[in-house]
Amino acid sequence: MRSDTGLRSPSVVAVIDDDDSVRRSLMRLISGKGLKVVTFNSAKDFLAHEHRADFSCIVSDLRMPEFDGIELQKNISASMPHLSFVFITGHGDIPSSVEAMKSGAVDFLEKPVVPALLLNAIQRALDRTRAIRQKQDELEGFRAHYDALTPRERQVFALVAAGLLNKQIAAELGTVEKTIKYHRARVMEKMNAESLADLVLMADRLGVRSNADLARARGKIIS
């Protein structure tokens, strides 16, 4: 946990609480650290927000009428897994806190919230959101490159990632080593890979590599 309370980059935080005074207090605290804050008096109001995917962090009360924080977290986890939660509650609830943390919540704080603890939790939430978004963007880039490969290049990609040598790949695909060298170079170029290690990492991220097992590597081709 960081000891500082300085939040490093402008981000948008959603504060969800059915208590007006709590919302105002949290908004003053968080916006005072250079963050944009949008408040909501219920989880349903947040879900109805047109640009909810733009938020980087949700600070939510755990217990709210009709639709509580845990339900909100479950509701958006499939469509927005990057969106990080910090839960606050006026009632200590160990089972709920365990459930929330298992579902990806960054922290679970009791009211009245200690400002420094909340700000540190928000920073960790922003860091988590940023890291997940970066990985998602990276994976989308890998997929775009992979989509540009020909069917034969995809076969070569899978076999190279499985650890086969050019001559072994040529034998498996019924061609000559010179042809495999050409396809391999094209794969490296199209995937924007600088080394074999880069290519293996991309294969792992895409689900192309299959434990260096030849039989499985041949079938591990993304459609």
C-alpha atoms as a PDB file:
ATOM      1  CA  MET A   1       0.000   0.000   0.000  1.00  0.00           C
ATOM      2  CA  ARG A   2       1.274   3.459  -0.877  1.00  0.00           C
ATOM      3  CA  SER A   3       1.863   5.920   1.930  1.00  0.00           C
ATOM      4  CA  ASP A   4       1.240   8.950  -0.266  1.00  0.00           C
ATOM      5  CA  THR A   5      -2.239  10.261  -1.049  1.00  0.00           C
ATOM      6  CA  GLY A   6      -1.387  12.152  -4.224  1.00  0.00           C
ATOM      7  CA  LEU A   7      -3.388  10.810  -7.139  1.00  0.00           C
ATOM      8  CA  ARG A   8      -1.211  10.834 -10.205  1.00  0.00           C
ATOM      9  CA  SER A   9      -3.461  11.290 -13.242  1.00  0.00           C
ATOM     10  CA  PRO A  10      -6.822  12.857 -14.091  1.00  0.00           C
ATOM     11  CA  SER A  11      -9.500  10.160 -14.110  1.00  0.00           C
ATOM     12  CA  VAL A  12     -13.240   9.906 -13.688  1.00  0.00           C
ATOM     13  CA  VAL A  13     -14.551   8.394 -10.470  1.00  0.00           C
ATOM     14  CA  ALA A  14     -18.160   7.405  -9.877  1.00  0.00           C
ATOM     15  CA  VAL A  15     -19.410   7.817  -6.331  1.00  0.00           C
ATOM     16  CA  ILE A  16     -22.566   5.839  -5.583  1.00  0.00           C
ATOM     17  CA  ASP A  17     -24.348   6.295  -2.264  1.00  0.00           C
ATOM     18  CA  ASP A  18     -27.964   6.852  -1.294  1.00  0.00           C
ATOM     19  CA  ASP A  19     -26.922   9.329   1.429  1.00  0.00           C
ATOM     20  CA  ASP A  20     -26.717  12.901   0.086  1.00  0.00           C
ATOM     21  CA  SER A  21     -24.283  14.085   2.739  1.00  0.00           C
ATOM     22  CA  VAL A  22     -21.930  11.167   2.123  1.00  0.00           C
ATOM     23  CA  ARG A  23     -21.958  11.815  -1.625  1.00  0.00           C
ATOM     24  CA  ARG A  24     -21.132  15.507  -1.128  1.00  0.00           C
ATOM     25  CA  SER A  25     -18.347  14.717   1.334  1.00  0.00           C
ATOM     26  CA  LEU A  26     -16.765  12.113  -0.914  1.00  0.00           C
ATOM     27  CA  MET A  27     -17.039  14.370  -3.937  1.00  0.00           C
ATOM     28  CA  ARG A  28     -15.188  17.189  -2.151  1.00  0.00           C
ATOM     29  CA  LEU A  29     -12.462  14.837  -0.947  1.00  0.00           C
ATOM     30  CA  ILE A  30     -11.839  13.083  -4.256  1.00  0.00           C
ATOM     31  CA  SER A  31     -12.182  16.105  -6.533  1.00  0.00           C
ATOM     32  CA  GLY A  32      -9.729  17.905  -4.266  1.00  0.00           C
ATOM     33  CA  LYS A  33      -7.078  15.519  -5.584  1.00  0.00           C
ATOM     34  CA  GLY A  34      -7.609  16.510  -9.196  1.00  0.00           C
ATOM     35  CA  LEU A  35     -10.094  13.848 -10.186  1.00  0.00           C
ATOM     36  CA  LYS A  36     -13.373  14.364 -11.951  1.00  0.00           C
ATOM     37  CA  VAL A  37     -16.209  12.961  -9.852  1.00  0.00           C
ATOM     38  CA  VAL A  38     -19.751  12.107 -10.899  1.00  0.00           C
ATOM     39  CA  THR A  39     -22.176  11.135  -8.146  1.00  0.00           C
ATOM     40  CA  PHE A  40     -25.166   8.802  -8.247  1.00  0.00           C
ATOM     41  CA  ASN A  41     -27.776   8.107  -5.596  1.00  0.00           C
ATOM     42  CA  SER A  42     -28.296   4.483  -6.664  1.00  0.00           C
ATOM     43  CA  ALA A  43     -26.684   1.678  -8.617  1.00  0.00           C
ATOM     44  CA  LYS A  44     -29.545   1.787 -11.101  1.00  0.00           C
ATOM     45  CA  ASP A  45     -28.813   5.461 -11.822  1.00  0.00           C
ATOM     46  CA  PHE A  46     -25.223   4.559 -12.574  1.00  0.00           C
ATOM     47  CA  LEU A  47     -26.243   1.739 -14.915  1.00  0.00           C
ATOM     48  CA  ALA A  48     -28.518   4.148 -16.754  1.00  0.00           C
ATOM     49  CA  HIS A  49     -25.631   6.576 -17.363  1.00  0.00           C
ATOM     50  CA  GLU A  50     -24.884   6.833 -21.076  1.00  0.00           C
ATOM     51  CA  HIS A  51     -21.105   7.003 -20.639  1.00  0.00           C
ATOM     52  CA  ARG A  52     -20.589   4.588 -17.742  1.00  0.00           C
ATOM     53  CA  ALA A  53     -17.793   2.805 -19.648  1.00  0.00           C
ATOM     54  CA  ASP A  54     -15.708   5.993 -19.393  1.00  0.00           C
ATOM     55  CA  PHE A  55     -15.286   5.701 -15.632  1.00  0.00           C
ATOM     56  CA  SER A  56     -12.002   4.487 -14.185  1.00  0.00           C
ATOM     57  CA  CYS A  57     -13.150   3.690 -10.669  1.00  0.00           C
ATOM     58  CA  ILE A  58     -16.351   3.206  -8.694  1.00  0.00           C
ATOM     59  CA  VAL A  59     -16.579   4.142  -5.032  1.00  0.00           C
ATOM     60  CA  SER A  60     -19.818   2.557  -3.918  1.00  0.00           C
ATOM     61  CA  ASP A  61     -21.766   2.057  -0.755  1.00  0.00           C
ATOM     62  CA  LEU A  62     -22.241  -1.631  -0.115  1.00  0.00           C
ATOM     63  CA  ARG A  63     -25.779  -1.509   1.270  1.00  0.00           C
ATOM     64  CA  MET A  64     -28.312   0.421  -0.812  1.00  0.00           C
ATOM     65  CA  PRO A  65     -32.058  -0.036  -1.340  1.00  0.00           C
ATOM     66  CA  GLU A  66     -33.191  -2.280  -4.195  1.00  0.00           C
ATOM     67  CA  PHE A  67     -29.787  -2.807  -5.810  1.00  0.00           C
ATOM     68  CA  ASP A  68     -26.671  -3.053  -3.635  1.00  0.00           C
ATOM     69  CA  GLY A  69     -22.992  -2.668  -4.456  1.00  0.00           C
ATOM     70  CA  ILE A  70     -22.287  -6.390  -4.786  1.00  0.00           C
ATOM     71  CA  GLU A  71     -25.132  -6.748  -7.291  1.00  0.00           C
ATOM     72  CA  LEU A  72     -23.762  -3.787  -9.246  1.00  0.00           C
ATOM     73  CA  GLN A  73     -20.297  -5.336  -9.330  1.00  0.00           C
ATOM     74  CA  LYS A  74     -21.696  -8.619 -10.634  1.00  0.00           C
ATOM     75  CA  ASN A  75     -23.858  -6.795 -13.176  1.00  0.00           C
ATOM     76  CA  ILE A  76     -20.989  -4.987 -14.876  1.00  0.00           C
ATOM     77  CA  SER A  77     -18.117  -7.453 -14.387  1.00  0.00           C
ATOM     78  CA  ALA A  78     -18.766  -9.256 -17.689  1.00  0.00           C
ATOM     79  CA  SER A  79     -19.055  -6.173 -19.879  1.00  0.00           C
ATOM     80  CA  MET A  80     -16.557  -3.918 -18.044  1.00  0.00           C
ATOM     81  CA  PRO A  81     -14.042  -6.169 -16.231  1.00  0.00           C
ATOM     82  CA  HIS A  82     -11.533  -3.310 -16.161  1.00  0.00           C
ATOM     83  CA  LEU A  83     -13.737  -1.097 -13.979  1.00  0.00           C
ATOM     84  CA  SER A  84     -12.360  -1.246 -10.441  1.00  0.00           C
ATOM     85  CA  PHE A  85     -14.418  -0.981  -7.255  1.00  0.00           C
ATOM     86  CA  VAL A  86     -13.782   0.443  -3.813  1.00  0.00           C
ATOM     87  CA  PHE A  87     -16.583  -0.424  -1.407  1.00  0.00           C
ATOM     88  CA  ILE A  88     -17.545   1.544   1.674  1.00  0.00           C
ATOM     89  CA  THR A  89     -20.080   0.490   4.277  1.00  0.00           C
ATOM     90  CA  GLY A  90     -21.491   1.508   7.602  1.00  0.00           C
ATOM     91  CA  HIS A  91     -21.982  -2.123   8.595  1.00  0.00           C
ATOM     92  CA  GLY A  92     -19.071  -4.535   8.948  1.00  0.00           C
ATOM     93  CA  ASP A  93     -19.919  -7.581   6.837  1.00  0.00           C
ATOM     94  CA  ILE A  94     -17.096 -10.119   6.487  1.00  0.00           C
ATOM     95  CA  PRO A  95     -18.853 -12.489   4.020  1.00  0.00           C
ATOM     96  CA  SER A  96     -19.755  -9.584   1.738  1.00  0.00           C
ATOM     97  CA  SER A  97     -16.244  -8.162   1.879  1.00  0.00           C
ATOM     98  CA  VAL A  98     -14.757 -11.541   0.970  1.00  0.00           C
ATOM     99  CA  GLU A  99     -17.186 -11.900  -1.926  1.00  0.00           C
ATOM    100  CA  ALA A 100     -16.391  -8.394  -3.163  1.00  0.00           C
ATOM    101  CA  MET A 101     -12.628  -8.903  -3.008  1.00  0.00           C
ATOM    102  CA  LYS A 102     -12.866 -12.239  -4.824  1.00  0.00           C
ATOM    103  CA  SER A 103     -14.797 -10.459  -7.571  1.00  0.00           C
ATOM    104  CA  GLY A 104     -12.011  -7.925  -8.012  1.00  0.00           C
ATOM    105  CA  ALA A 105     -12.776  -5.142  -5.544  1.00  0.00           C
ATOM    106  CA  VAL A 106      -9.641  -3.223  -4.594  1.00  0.00           C
ATOM    107  CA  ASP A 107     -10.657  -2.438  -1.027  1.00  0.00           C
ATOM    108  CA  PHE A 108     -13.508  -2.603   1.454  1.00  0.00           C
ATOM    109  CA  LEU A 109     -13.614   0.316   3.915  1.00  0.00           C
ATOM    110  CA  GLU A 110     -15.896   1.016   6.854  1.00  0.00           C
ATOM    111  CA  LYS A 111     -17.615   4.352   7.443  1.00  0.00           C
ATOM    112  CA  PRO A 112     -16.613   6.873   8.554  1.00  0.00           C
ATOM    113  CA  VAL A 113     -13.915   6.474   5.922  1.00  0.00           C
ATOM    114  CA  VAL A 114     -10.382   7.615   6.727  1.00  0.00           C
ATOM    115  CA  PRO A 115      -9.521  10.024   3.857  1.00  0.00           C
ATOM    116  CA  ALA A 116      -5.952   8.783   3.383  1.00  0.00           C
ATOM    117  CA  LEU A 117      -7.092   5.159   3.208  1.00  0.00           C
ATOM    118  CA  LEU A 118      -9.792   5.972   0.681  1.00  0.00           C
ATOM    119  CA  LEU A 119      -7.456   8.006  -1.528  1.00  0.00           C
ATOM    120  CA  ASN A 120      -4.865   5.249  -1.478  1.00  0.00           C
ATOM    121  CA  ALA A 121      -7.545   2.690  -2.355  1.00  0.00           C
ATOM    122  CA  ILE A 122      -8.731   4.848  -5.249  1.00  0.00           C
ATOM    123  CA  GLN A 123      -5.171   5.133  -6.561  1.00  0.00           C
ATOM    124  CA  ARG A 124      -4.822   1.348  -6.508  1.00  0.00           C
ATOM    125  CA  ALA A 125      -8.149   1.056  -8.283  1.00  0.00           C
ATOM    126  CA  LEU A 126      -7.028   3.512 -10.968  1.00  0.00           C
ATOM    127  CA  ASP A 127      -3.759   1.627 -11.377  1.00  0.00           C
ATOM    128  CA  ARG A 128      -5.667  -1.646 -11.765  1.00  0.00           C
ATOM    129  CA  THR A 129      -8.059  -0.158 -14.318  1.00  0.00           C
ATOM    130  CA  ARG A 130      -5.187   1.343 -16.300  1.00  0.00           C
ATOM    131  CA  ALA A 131      -3.239  -1.936 -16.319  1.00  0.00           C
ATOM    132  CA  ILE A 132      -6.245  -3.980 -17.449  1.00  0.00           C
ATOM    133  CA  ARG A 133      -7.090  -1.500 -20.195  1.00  0.00           C
ATOM    134  CA  GLN A 134      -3.493  -1.583 -21.426  1.00  0.00           C
ATOM    135  CA  LYS A 135      -3.599  -5.375 -21.585  1.00  0.00           C
ATOM    136  CA  GLN A 136      -6.926  -5.270 -23.416  1.00  0.00           C
ATOM    137  CA  ASP A 137      -5.565  -2.768 -25.939  1.00  0.00           C
ATOM    138  CA  GLU A 138      -2.438  -4.879 -26.398  1.00  0.00           C
ATOM    139  CA  LEU A 139      -4.484  -8.027 -26.968  1.00  0.00           C
ATOM    140  CA  GLU A 140      -6.707  -6.245 -29.480  1.00  0.00           C
ATOM    141  CA  GLY A 141      -3.554  -5.210 -31.342  1.00  0.00           C
ATOM    142  CA  PHE A 142      -2.303  -8.809 -31.349  1.00  0.00           C
ATOM    143  CA  ARG A 143      -5.662 -10.002 -32.684  1.00  0.00           C
ATOM    144  CA  ALA A 144      -5.631  -7.402 -35.456  1.00  0.00           C
ATOM    145  CA  HIS A 145      -2.159  -8.544 -36.511  1.00  0.00           C
ATOM    146  CA  TYR A 146      -3.192 -12.190 -36.264  1.00  0.00           C
ATOM    147  CA  ASP A 147      -6.250 -11.578 -38.445  1.00  0.00           C
ATOM    148  CA  ALA A 148      -3.902 -10.325 -41.170  1.00  0.00           C
ATOM    149  CA  LEU A 149      -2.095 -13.682 -41.344  1.00  0.00           C
ATOM    150  CA  THR A 150      -2.922 -16.171 -44.082  1.00  0.00           C
ATOM    151  CA  PRO A 151      -4.142 -19.656 -43.069  1.00  0.00           C
ATOM    152  CA  ARG A 152      -0.681 -21.089 -43.801  1.00  0.00           C
ATOM    153  CA  GLU A 153       0.994 -18.346 -41.775  1.00  0.00           C
ATOM    154  CA  ARG A 154      -1.289 -19.173 -38.850  1.00  0.00           C
ATOM    155  CA  GLN A 155      -0.185 -22.805 -39.027  1.00  0.00           C
ATOM    156  CA  VAL A 156       3.456 -21.754 -39.058  1.00  0.00           C
ATOM    157  CA  PHE A 157       2.810 -19.348 -36.180  1.00  0.00           C
ATOM    158  CA  ALA A 158       1.334 -22.108 -34.011  1.00  0.00           C
ATOM    159  CA  LEU A 159       4.146 -24.544 -34.759  1.00  0.00           C
ATOM    160  CA  VAL A 160       6.894 -21.954 -34.246  1.00  0.00           C
ATOM    161  CA  ALA A 161       5.324 -20.977 -30.904  1.00  0.00           C
ATOM    162  CA  ALA A 162       5.230 -24.677 -29.963  1.00  0.00           C
ATOM    163  CA  GLY A 163       9.025 -24.730 -30.291  1.00  0.00           C
ATOM    164  CA  LEU A 164       9.498 -26.556 -33.598  1.00  0.00           C
ATOM    165  CA  LEU A 165      12.453 -25.880 -35.868  1.00  0.00           C
ATOM    166  CA  ASN A 166      11.963 -24.792 -39.466  1.00  0.00           C
ATOM    167  CA  LYS A 167      12.840 -28.241 -40.822  1.00  0.00           C
ATOM    168  CA  GLN A 168      10.382 -29.881 -38.418  1.00  0.00           C
ATOM    169  CA  ILE A 169       7.620 -27.487 -39.455  1.00  0.00           C
ATOM    170  CA  ALA A 170       8.398 -28.147 -43.123  1.00  0.00           C
ATOM    171  CA  ALA A 171       8.066 -31.891 -42.542  1.00  0.00           C
ATOM    172  CA  GLU A 172       4.773 -31.455 -40.683  1.00  0.00           C
ATOM    173  CA  LEU A 173       3.284 -29.208 -43.365  1.00  0.00           C
ATOM    174  CA  GLY A 174       4.673 -31.148 -46.307  1.00  0.00           C
ATOM    175  CA  THR A 175       6.811 -28.401 -47.772  1.00  0.00           C
ATOM    176  CA  VAL A 176      10.452 -27.327 -47.893  1.00  0.00           C
ATOM    177  CA  GLU A 177      12.427 -25.472 -45.251  1.00  0.00           C
ATOM    178  CA  LYS A 178      12.999 -22.473 -47.539  1.00  0.00           C
ATOM    179  CA  THR A 179       9.233 -21.940 -47.781  1.00  0.00           C
ATOM    180  CA  ILE A 180       8.872 -22.156 -43.998  1.00  0.00           C
ATOM    181  CA  LYS A 181      11.626 -19.572 -43.548  1.00  0.00           C
ATOM    182  CA  TYR A 182       9.676 -17.230 -45.826  1.00  0.00           C
ATOM    183  CA  HIS A 183       6.394 -17.784 -43.951  1.00  0.00           C
ATOM    184  CA  ARG A 184       8.139 -17.418 -40.604  1.00  0.00           C
ATOM    185  CA  ALA A 185       9.624 -14.094 -41.652  1.00  0.00           C
ATOM    186  CA  ARG A 186       6.211 -12.921 -42.813  1.00  0.00           C
ATOM    187  CA  VAL A 187       4.671 -13.958 -39.486  1.00  0.00           C
ATOM    188  CA  MET A 188       7.327 -12.037 -37.566  1.00  0.00           C
ATOM    189  CA  GLU A 189       6.755  -8.980 -39.752  1.00  0.00           C
ATOM    190  CA  LYS A 190       2.959  -9.037 -39.641  1.00  0.00           C
ATOM    191  CA  MET A 191       2.846  -9.706 -35.890  1.00  0.00           C
ATOM    192  CA  ASN A 192       5.387  -6.915 -35.354  1.00  0.00           C
ATOM    193  CA  ALA A 193       7.502  -9.327 -33.303  1.00  0.00           C
ATOM    194  CA  GLU A 194      11.143  -8.448 -32.720  1.00  0.00           C
ATOM    195  CA  SER A 195      12.147 -11.880 -31.461  1.00  0.00           C
ATOM    196  CA  LEU A 196      10.975 -15.443 -31.012  1.00  0.00           C
ATOM    197  CA  ALA A 197      10.272 -14.611 -27.368  1.00  0.00           C
ATOM    198  CA  ASP A 198       7.899 -11.847 -28.506  1.00  0.00           C
ATOM    199  CA  LEU A 199       6.142 -14.284 -30.830  1.00  0.00           C
ATOM    200  CA  VAL A 200       5.736 -16.880 -28.092  1.00  0.00           C
ATOM    201  CA  LEU A 201       4.313 -14.237 -25.742  1.00  0.00           C
ATOM    202  CA  MET A 202       1.816 -13.171 -28.410  1.00  0.00           C
ATOM    203  CA  ALA A 203       0.863 -16.790 -29.034  1.00  0.00           C
ATOM    204  CA  ASP A 204       0.247 -17.317 -25.318  1.00  0.00           C
ATOM    205  CA  ARG A 205      -1.896 -14.186 -25.094  1.00  0.00           C
ATOM    206  CA  LEU A 206      -3.895 -15.224 -28.170  1.00  0.00           C
ATOM    207  CA  GLY A 207      -4.282 -18.821 -27.070  1.00  0.00           C
ATOM    208  CA  VAL A 208      -2.318 -20.131 -30.047  1.00  0.00           C
ATOM    209  CA  ARG A 209       0.499 -21.894 -28.186  1.00  0.00           C
ATOM    210  CA  SER A 210      -0.326 -25.287 -26.735  1.00  0.00           C
ATOM    211  CA  ASN A 211       2.288 -26.462 -24.234  1.00  0.00           C
ATOM    212  CA  ALA A 212       4.838 -27.183 -26.967  1.00  0.00           C
ATOM    213  CA  ASP A 213       2.924 -30.356 -27.814  1.00  0.00           C
ATOM    214  CA  LEU A 214       3.113 -31.001 -31.543  1.00  0.00           C
ATOM    215  CA  ALA A 215      -0.239 -32.709 -32.001  1.00  0.00           C
ATOM    216  CA  ARG A 216      -2.083 -30.031 -30.077  1.00  0.00           C
ATOM    217  CA  ALA A 217      -0.079 -27.217 -31.670  1.00  0.00           C
ATOM    218  CA  ARG A 218      -1.258 -28.255 -35.099  1.00  0.00           C
ATOM    219  CA  GLY A 219      -4.871 -27.945 -33.987  1.00  0.00           C
ATOM    220  CA  LYS A 220      -4.474 -24.844 -31.873  1.00  0.00           C
ATOM    221  CA  ILE A 221      -5.388 -22.430 -34.653  1.00  0.00           C
ATOM    222  CA  ILE A 222      -7.695 -19.479 -33.962  1.00  0.00           C
ATOM    223  CA  SER A 223     -10.543 -19.444 -36.444  1.00  0.00           C
END
